[in-house]
Amino acid sequence: MNILYTAIATAYGREGRAATNDGRLAVTLAHPVELGGSGQGTNPEQLFATGYAACFASAMQNVGRRMKLDVSDASVTAEVGLGGIGEGRFGLEVTLRVELPDELQGEAGQRLVEATHQVCPYSNATRGNIAVNLVVE
């Protein structure tokens, strides 16, 4: 693979802090209330959801241009679930909710989202590893 960009971040546990090497992102980390934490910070699942939603939206812009579709009013919401998968292990599940303009509802929108799922780096990284559900709204 020809690397075009490398992001670098360091984290100090789920309770602590995380930051990128360039200082553009610095967050306080905390367990969510649902997992017995204070909820007074962000958590890795929120960061993953934010990254996946942004990446998928960007990939959809590129795919839309190639398909000659206007996706400027589209949005992507990522829901990342964390759960036990047995033997003390944990896993993730993702639902991507893609909100498309009225003119892209139906088959055209479904084709756009499926094509984007083949292009998006997050989708390619997770394929075969975690369930990713695509919902077109």
N, C-alpha and C. Protein backbone atom coordinates (compact mmCIF):
# COMPACT_ATOMS: atom_id res chain seq x y z
N MET A 1 0.86 -1.18 0.00
CA MET A 1 0.00 0.00 0.00
C MET A 1 0.90 1.23 0.00
N ASN A 2 0.53 2.21 -0.79
CA ASN A 2 1.24 3.48 -0.85
C ASN A 2 0.59 4.43 0.16
N ILE A 3 1.24 4.64 1.31
CA ILE A 3 0.69 5.47 2.38
C ILE A 3 0.66 6.93 1.94
N LEU A 4 -0.52 7.56 2.03
CA LEU A 4 -0.69 8.96 1.65
C LEU A 4 -0.65 9.89 2.86
N TYR A 5 -0.98 9.36 4.03
CA TYR A 5 -1.03 10.17 5.24
C TYR A 5 -1.00 9.23 6.44
N THR A 6 -0.36 9.66 7.51
CA THR A 6 -0.33 8.88 8.74
C THR A 6 -0.77 9.77 9.89
N ALA A 7 -1.82 9.35 10.58
CA ALA A 7 -2.29 10.06 11.78
C ALA A 7 -1.60 9.40 12.98
N ILE A 8 -1.20 10.22 13.95
CA ILE A 8 -0.52 9.70 15.14
C ILE A 8 -1.22 10.25 16.37
N ALA A 9 -1.62 9.36 17.26
CA ALA A 9 -2.27 9.76 18.51
C ALA A 9 -1.79 8.83 19.62
N THR A 10 -1.77 9.37 20.83
CA THR A 10 -1.37 8.60 22.00
C THR A 10 -2.48 8.71 23.03
N ALA A 11 -2.82 7.56 23.64
CA ALA A 11 -3.84 7.53 24.68
C ALA A 11 -3.24 6.95 25.96
N TYR A 12 -3.78 7.38 27.07
CA TYR A 12 -3.34 6.92 28.38
C TYR A 12 -4.52 6.25 29.09
N GLY A 13 -4.99 5.13 28.53
CA GLY A 13 -6.08 4.38 29.12
C GLY A 13 -7.44 4.95 28.80
N ARG A 14 -8.48 4.21 29.23
CA ARG A 14 -9.86 4.66 29.03
C ARG A 14 -10.23 5.78 29.97
N GLU A 15 -9.55 5.91 31.05
CA GLU A 15 -9.74 7.01 32.01
C GLU A 15 -8.46 7.82 31.96
N GLY A 16 -8.49 8.93 31.33
CA GLY A 16 -7.26 9.73 31.19
C GLY A 16 -7.40 10.71 30.06
N ARG A 17 -6.43 10.65 29.17
CA ARG A 17 -6.46 11.59 28.06
C ARG A 17 -5.89 10.94 26.81
N ALA A 18 -6.17 11.57 25.69
CA ALA A 18 -5.62 11.15 24.40
C ALA A 18 -5.39 12.41 23.59
N ALA A 19 -4.37 12.38 22.76
CA ALA A 19 -4.05 13.54 21.95
C ALA A 19 -3.29 13.12 20.70
N THR A 20 -3.44 13.94 19.66
CA THR A 20 -2.66 13.73 18.46
C THR A 20 -1.30 14.41 18.62
N ASN A 21 -0.34 13.93 17.85
CA ASN A 21 1.02 14.47 17.98
C ASN A 21 1.12 15.92 17.55
N ASP A 22 0.19 16.40 16.72
CA ASP A 22 0.24 17.80 16.28
C ASP A 22 -0.55 18.74 17.19
N GLY A 23 -1.20 18.18 18.22
CA GLY A 23 -1.93 18.98 19.19
C GLY A 23 -3.29 19.46 18.72
N ARG A 24 -3.74 19.06 17.54
CA ARG A 24 -5.03 19.53 17.03
C ARG A 24 -6.22 18.85 17.68
N LEU A 25 -5.99 17.68 18.28
CA LEU A 25 -7.05 16.98 18.99
C LEU A 25 -6.50 16.54 20.34
N ALA A 26 -7.17 16.95 21.39
CA ALA A 26 -6.82 16.52 22.74
C ALA A 26 -8.13 16.33 23.50
N VAL A 27 -8.34 15.13 24.02
CA VAL A 27 -9.60 14.84 24.69
C VAL A 27 -9.36 14.17 26.03
N THR A 28 -10.30 14.42 26.93
CA THR A 28 -10.35 13.70 28.19
C THR A 28 -11.15 12.44 27.95
N LEU A 29 -10.65 11.32 28.43
CA LEU A 29 -11.32 10.04 28.25
C LEU A 29 -11.97 9.60 29.55
N ALA A 30 -13.15 9.01 29.43
CA ALA A 30 -13.85 8.47 30.60
C ALA A 30 -14.79 7.37 30.15
N HIS A 31 -14.99 6.39 31.02
CA HIS A 31 -15.98 5.35 30.75
C HIS A 31 -17.36 6.01 30.66
N PRO A 32 -18.21 5.52 29.75
CA PRO A 32 -19.58 6.04 29.72
C PRO A 32 -20.34 5.61 30.97
N VAL A 33 -21.36 6.35 31.30
CA VAL A 33 -22.19 6.05 32.46
C VAL A 33 -22.73 4.62 32.36
N GLU A 34 -23.10 4.19 31.14
CA GLU A 34 -23.66 2.87 30.94
C GLU A 34 -22.70 1.74 31.32
N LEU A 35 -21.41 2.05 31.37
CA LEU A 35 -20.39 1.07 31.76
C LEU A 35 -19.84 1.35 33.16
N GLY A 36 -20.59 2.13 33.93
CA GLY A 36 -20.19 2.40 35.30
C GLY A 36 -19.24 3.57 35.48
N GLY A 37 -19.02 4.33 34.42
CA GLY A 37 -18.10 5.47 34.51
C GLY A 37 -18.81 6.77 34.82
N SER A 38 -18.02 7.81 34.87
CA SER A 38 -18.56 9.14 35.18
C SER A 38 -19.22 9.78 33.97
N GLY A 39 -18.81 9.38 32.77
CA GLY A 39 -19.33 10.02 31.57
C GLY A 39 -18.79 11.43 31.38
N GLN A 40 -17.79 11.79 32.14
CA GLN A 40 -17.24 13.16 32.10
C GLN A 40 -16.13 13.32 31.07
N GLY A 41 -16.17 12.52 30.04
CA GLY A 41 -15.21 12.63 28.95
C GLY A 41 -15.74 11.83 27.78
N THR A 42 -14.98 11.80 26.72
CA THR A 42 -15.38 11.00 25.58
C THR A 42 -14.84 9.59 25.76
N ASN A 43 -15.20 8.69 24.87
CA ASN A 43 -14.70 7.32 24.97
C ASN A 43 -14.31 6.83 23.59
N PRO A 44 -13.56 5.75 23.51
CA PRO A 44 -13.08 5.27 22.21
C PRO A 44 -14.19 4.97 21.21
N GLU A 45 -15.34 4.51 21.69
CA GLU A 45 -16.43 4.21 20.78
C GLU A 45 -16.98 5.48 20.13
N GLN A 46 -17.04 6.57 20.89
CA GLN A 46 -17.47 7.84 20.32
C GLN A 46 -16.45 8.34 19.29
N LEU A 47 -15.19 8.18 19.59
CA LEU A 47 -14.15 8.61 18.65
C LEU A 47 -14.21 7.78 17.37
N PHE A 48 -14.41 6.47 17.52
CA PHE A 48 -14.53 5.60 16.36
C PHE A 48 -15.75 5.98 15.53
N ALA A 49 -16.88 6.23 16.20
CA ALA A 49 -18.11 6.62 15.51
C ALA A 49 -17.90 7.92 14.73
N THR A 50 -17.25 8.88 15.35
CA THR A 50 -16.99 10.16 14.69
C THR A 50 -16.11 9.97 13.46
N GLY A 51 -15.04 9.21 13.63
CA GLY A 51 -14.13 8.96 12.51
C GLY A 51 -14.79 8.21 11.37
N TYR A 52 -15.56 7.17 11.70
CA TYR A 52 -16.21 6.37 10.67
C TYR A 52 -17.24 7.21 9.93
N ALA A 53 -18.06 7.98 10.65
CA ALA A 53 -19.07 8.82 10.00
C ALA A 53 -18.42 9.83 9.06
N ALA A 54 -17.35 10.48 9.51
CA ALA A 54 -16.67 11.47 8.68
C ALA A 54 -16.03 10.82 7.46
N CYS A 55 -15.40 9.68 7.65
CA CYS A 55 -14.74 8.99 6.55
C CYS A 55 -15.76 8.52 5.52
N PHE A 56 -16.86 7.94 5.98
CA PHE A 56 -17.90 7.45 5.07
C PHE A 56 -18.52 8.61 4.30
N ALA A 57 -18.77 9.72 4.97
CA ALA A 57 -19.34 10.89 4.30
C ALA A 57 -18.39 11.42 3.22
N SER A 58 -17.11 11.44 3.53
CA SER A 58 -16.12 11.89 2.55
C SER A 58 -16.05 10.94 1.37
N ALA A 59 -16.03 9.64 1.65
CA ALA A 59 -16.01 8.64 0.58
C ALA A 59 -17.27 8.77 -0.29
N MET A 60 -18.41 9.06 0.34
CA MET A 60 -19.65 9.20 -0.40
C MET A 60 -19.60 10.41 -1.33
N GLN A 61 -18.93 11.48 -0.90
CA GLN A 61 -18.76 12.64 -1.78
C GLN A 61 -18.00 12.22 -3.05
N ASN A 62 -16.93 11.45 -2.86
CA ASN A 62 -16.12 11.00 -4.00
C ASN A 62 -16.92 10.07 -4.90
N VAL A 63 -17.61 9.10 -4.32
CA VAL A 63 -18.41 8.17 -5.10
C VAL A 63 -19.55 8.91 -5.80
N GLY A 64 -20.18 9.84 -5.11
CA GLY A 64 -21.25 10.63 -5.71
C GLY A 64 -20.79 11.39 -6.94
N ARG A 65 -19.61 11.99 -6.86
CA ARG A 65 -19.06 12.71 -8.02
C ARG A 65 -18.87 11.76 -9.20
N ARG A 66 -18.32 10.57 -8.92
CA ARG A 66 -18.10 9.59 -9.99
C ARG A 66 -19.42 9.12 -10.60
N MET A 67 -20.46 9.02 -9.77
CA MET A 67 -21.78 8.57 -10.24
C MET A 67 -22.63 9.74 -10.74
N LYS A 68 -22.05 10.95 -10.71
CA LYS A 68 -22.76 12.17 -11.13
C LYS A 68 -24.03 12.41 -10.32
N LEU A 69 -23.90 12.23 -8.99
CA LEU A 69 -25.00 12.45 -8.06
C LEU A 69 -24.61 13.56 -7.09
N ASP A 70 -25.54 14.43 -6.78
CA ASP A 70 -25.30 15.50 -5.82
C ASP A 70 -25.62 14.99 -4.41
N VAL A 71 -24.57 14.81 -3.62
CA VAL A 71 -24.74 14.31 -2.25
C VAL A 71 -24.37 15.39 -1.22
N SER A 72 -24.37 16.64 -1.65
CA SER A 72 -23.95 17.72 -0.76
C SER A 72 -24.85 17.86 0.46
N ASP A 73 -26.11 17.44 0.36
CA ASP A 73 -27.02 17.53 1.50
C ASP A 73 -27.14 16.23 2.29
N ALA A 74 -26.31 15.26 1.98
CA ALA A 74 -26.35 13.98 2.68
C ALA A 74 -25.58 14.07 4.00
N SER A 75 -25.96 13.21 4.93
CA SER A 75 -25.22 13.13 6.19
C SER A 75 -25.11 11.66 6.60
N VAL A 76 -24.11 11.38 7.44
CA VAL A 76 -23.88 10.02 7.92
C VAL A 76 -23.79 10.05 9.43
N THR A 77 -24.56 9.19 10.08
CA THR A 77 -24.50 9.02 11.52
C THR A 77 -24.03 7.60 11.80
N ALA A 78 -22.98 7.46 12.57
CA ALA A 78 -22.47 6.14 12.94
C ALA A 78 -22.85 5.84 14.38
N GLU A 79 -23.44 4.67 14.58
CA GLU A 79 -23.76 4.17 15.91
C GLU A 79 -22.83 3.00 16.18
N VAL A 80 -21.97 3.12 17.17
CA VAL A 80 -21.02 2.07 17.48
C VAL A 80 -21.41 1.43 18.80
N GLY A 81 -21.74 0.15 18.74
CA GLY A 81 -22.10 -0.59 19.94
C GLY A 81 -20.94 -1.42 20.43
N LEU A 82 -20.77 -1.47 21.73
CA LEU A 82 -19.73 -2.27 22.38
C LEU A 82 -20.42 -3.35 23.18
N GLY A 83 -19.98 -4.58 23.04
CA GLY A 83 -20.62 -5.66 23.78
C GLY A 83 -19.68 -6.84 23.97
N GLY A 84 -20.07 -7.72 24.85
CA GLY A 84 -19.30 -8.92 25.11
C GLY A 84 -19.49 -9.94 24.00
N ILE A 85 -18.41 -10.63 23.64
CA ILE A 85 -18.47 -11.67 22.61
C ILE A 85 -18.02 -13.02 23.18
N GLY A 86 -18.04 -13.13 24.50
CA GLY A 86 -17.71 -14.39 25.14
C GLY A 86 -16.30 -14.45 25.68
N GLU A 87 -16.12 -15.27 26.69
CA GLU A 87 -14.81 -15.53 27.29
C GLU A 87 -14.07 -14.25 27.70
N GLY A 88 -14.81 -13.27 28.21
CA GLY A 88 -14.20 -12.03 28.67
C GLY A 88 -13.72 -11.11 27.57
N ARG A 89 -14.12 -11.37 26.34
CA ARG A 89 -13.70 -10.55 25.20
C ARG A 89 -14.82 -9.59 24.82
N PHE A 90 -14.44 -8.51 24.16
CA PHE A 90 -15.40 -7.51 23.73
C PHE A 90 -15.29 -7.28 22.23
N GLY A 91 -16.39 -6.85 21.64
CA GLY A 91 -16.43 -6.57 20.22
C GLY A 91 -17.27 -5.35 19.93
N LEU A 92 -17.24 -4.94 18.68
CA LEU A 92 -17.99 -3.77 18.23
C LEU A 92 -18.99 -4.17 17.16
N GLU A 93 -20.03 -3.36 17.04
CA GLU A 93 -21.02 -3.47 15.98
C GLU A 93 -21.33 -2.05 15.54
N VAL A 94 -21.49 -1.85 14.24
CA VAL A 94 -21.72 -0.51 13.71
C VAL A 94 -22.99 -0.48 12.87
N THR A 95 -23.77 0.57 13.06
CA THR A 95 -24.86 0.90 12.15
C THR A 95 -24.55 2.27 11.56
N LEU A 96 -24.49 2.33 10.24
CA LEU A 96 -24.30 3.61 9.54
C LEU A 96 -25.65 4.05 9.00
N ARG A 97 -26.13 5.17 9.50
CA ARG A 97 -27.40 5.74 9.03
C ARG A 97 -27.07 6.86 8.05
N VAL A 98 -27.38 6.64 6.80
CA VAL A 98 -27.07 7.60 5.74
C VAL A 98 -28.36 8.32 5.36
N GLU A 99 -28.41 9.60 5.64
CA GLU A 99 -29.57 10.41 5.30
C GLU A 99 -29.31 11.08 3.95
N LEU A 100 -30.14 10.73 2.98
CA LEU A 100 -29.97 11.24 1.62
C LEU A 100 -31.11 12.18 1.26
N PRO A 101 -30.86 13.12 0.33
CA PRO A 101 -31.94 13.99 -0.13
C PRO A 101 -33.01 13.15 -0.84
N ASP A 102 -34.22 13.70 -0.93
CA ASP A 102 -35.36 12.99 -1.50
C ASP A 102 -35.07 12.40 -2.88
N GLU A 103 -34.36 13.14 -3.71
CA GLU A 103 -34.12 12.67 -5.08
C GLU A 103 -33.19 11.46 -5.13
N LEU A 104 -32.54 11.12 -4.02
CA LEU A 104 -31.67 9.94 -3.99
C LEU A 104 -32.26 8.80 -3.17
N GLN A 105 -33.52 8.89 -2.85
CA GLN A 105 -34.17 7.79 -2.13
C GLN A 105 -34.39 6.63 -3.10
N GLY A 106 -34.48 5.44 -2.57
CA GLY A 106 -34.75 4.28 -3.41
C GLY A 106 -33.48 3.63 -3.92
N GLU A 107 -33.60 3.05 -5.11
CA GLU A 107 -32.52 2.24 -5.67
C GLU A 107 -31.23 3.02 -5.91
N ALA A 108 -31.34 4.25 -6.39
CA ALA A 108 -30.14 5.06 -6.66
C ALA A 108 -29.36 5.31 -5.37
N GLY A 109 -30.07 5.64 -4.31
CA GLY A 109 -29.42 5.87 -3.02
C GLY A 109 -28.80 4.61 -2.46
N GLN A 110 -29.49 3.49 -2.60
CA GLN A 110 -28.95 2.22 -2.12
C GLN A 110 -27.67 1.87 -2.87
N ARG A 111 -27.65 2.06 -4.18
CA ARG A 111 -26.44 1.79 -4.98
C ARG A 111 -25.30 2.70 -4.54
N LEU A 112 -25.61 3.97 -4.30
CA LEU A 112 -24.60 4.92 -3.84
C LEU A 112 -23.98 4.47 -2.52
N VAL A 113 -24.81 4.10 -1.56
CA VAL A 113 -24.33 3.70 -0.24
C VAL A 113 -23.52 2.40 -0.32
N GLU A 114 -23.98 1.45 -1.10
CA GLU A 114 -23.25 0.18 -1.26
C GLU A 114 -21.89 0.43 -1.93
N ALA A 115 -21.85 1.29 -2.94
CA ALA A 115 -20.58 1.61 -3.60
C ALA A 115 -19.64 2.33 -2.64
N THR A 116 -20.19 3.21 -1.82
CA THR A 116 -19.37 3.92 -0.84
C THR A 116 -18.79 2.95 0.17
N HIS A 117 -19.56 1.96 0.57
CA HIS A 117 -19.11 0.95 1.54
C HIS A 117 -17.92 0.16 0.99
N GLN A 118 -17.81 0.05 -0.32
CA GLN A 118 -16.67 -0.64 -0.92
C GLN A 118 -15.43 0.24 -1.00
N VAL A 119 -15.60 1.55 -0.94
CA VAL A 119 -14.51 2.52 -1.09
C VAL A 119 -13.97 3.01 0.24
N CYS A 120 -14.84 3.21 1.21
CA CYS A 120 -14.48 3.83 2.49
C CYS A 120 -13.39 3.03 3.22
N PRO A 121 -12.29 3.67 3.62
CA PRO A 121 -11.22 2.97 4.33
C PRO A 121 -11.68 2.31 5.64
N TYR A 122 -12.58 2.95 6.38
CA TYR A 122 -13.09 2.33 7.61
C TYR A 122 -13.88 1.07 7.29
N SER A 123 -14.69 1.13 6.24
CA SER A 123 -15.46 -0.05 5.84
C SER A 123 -14.53 -1.18 5.42
N ASN A 124 -13.48 -0.84 4.68
CA ASN A 124 -12.53 -1.86 4.26
C ASN A 124 -11.76 -2.43 5.45
N ALA A 125 -11.49 -1.61 6.44
CA ALA A 125 -10.76 -2.09 7.62
C ALA A 125 -11.62 -3.00 8.50
N THR A 126 -12.91 -2.73 8.54
CA THR A 126 -13.79 -3.49 9.43
C THR A 126 -14.41 -4.70 8.75
N ARG A 127 -14.42 -4.73 7.43
CA ARG A 127 -15.10 -5.81 6.69
C ARG A 127 -14.57 -7.17 7.12
N GLY A 128 -15.50 -8.04 7.51
CA GLY A 128 -15.12 -9.38 7.95
C GLY A 128 -14.72 -9.45 9.40
N ASN A 129 -14.61 -8.29 10.07
CA ASN A 129 -14.20 -8.25 11.47
C ASN A 129 -15.35 -7.89 12.41
N ILE A 130 -16.18 -6.95 11.99
CA ILE A 130 -17.33 -6.54 12.80
C ILE A 130 -18.54 -6.36 11.88
N ALA A 131 -19.71 -6.51 12.45
CA ALA A 131 -20.93 -6.29 11.67
C ALA A 131 -21.11 -4.80 11.41
N VAL A 132 -21.36 -4.45 10.16
CA VAL A 132 -21.66 -3.08 9.78
C VAL A 132 -22.99 -3.11 9.04
N ASN A 133 -23.99 -2.47 9.63
CA ASN A 133 -25.32 -2.40 9.05
C ASN A 133 -25.50 -1.06 8.36
N LEU A 134 -25.93 -1.09 7.11
CA LEU A 134 -26.16 0.13 6.34
C LEU A 134 -27.65 0.42 6.30
N VAL A 135 -28.02 1.64 6.72
CA VAL A 135 -29.42 2.06 6.72
C VAL A 135 -29.52 3.36 5.92
N VAL A 136 -30.32 3.33 4.87
CA VAL A 136 -30.51 4.53 4.05
C VAL A 136 -31.81 5.18 4.50
N GLU A 137 -31.73 6.45 4.87
CA GLU A 137 -32.89 7.19 5.37
C GLU A 137 -33.17 8.40 4.51
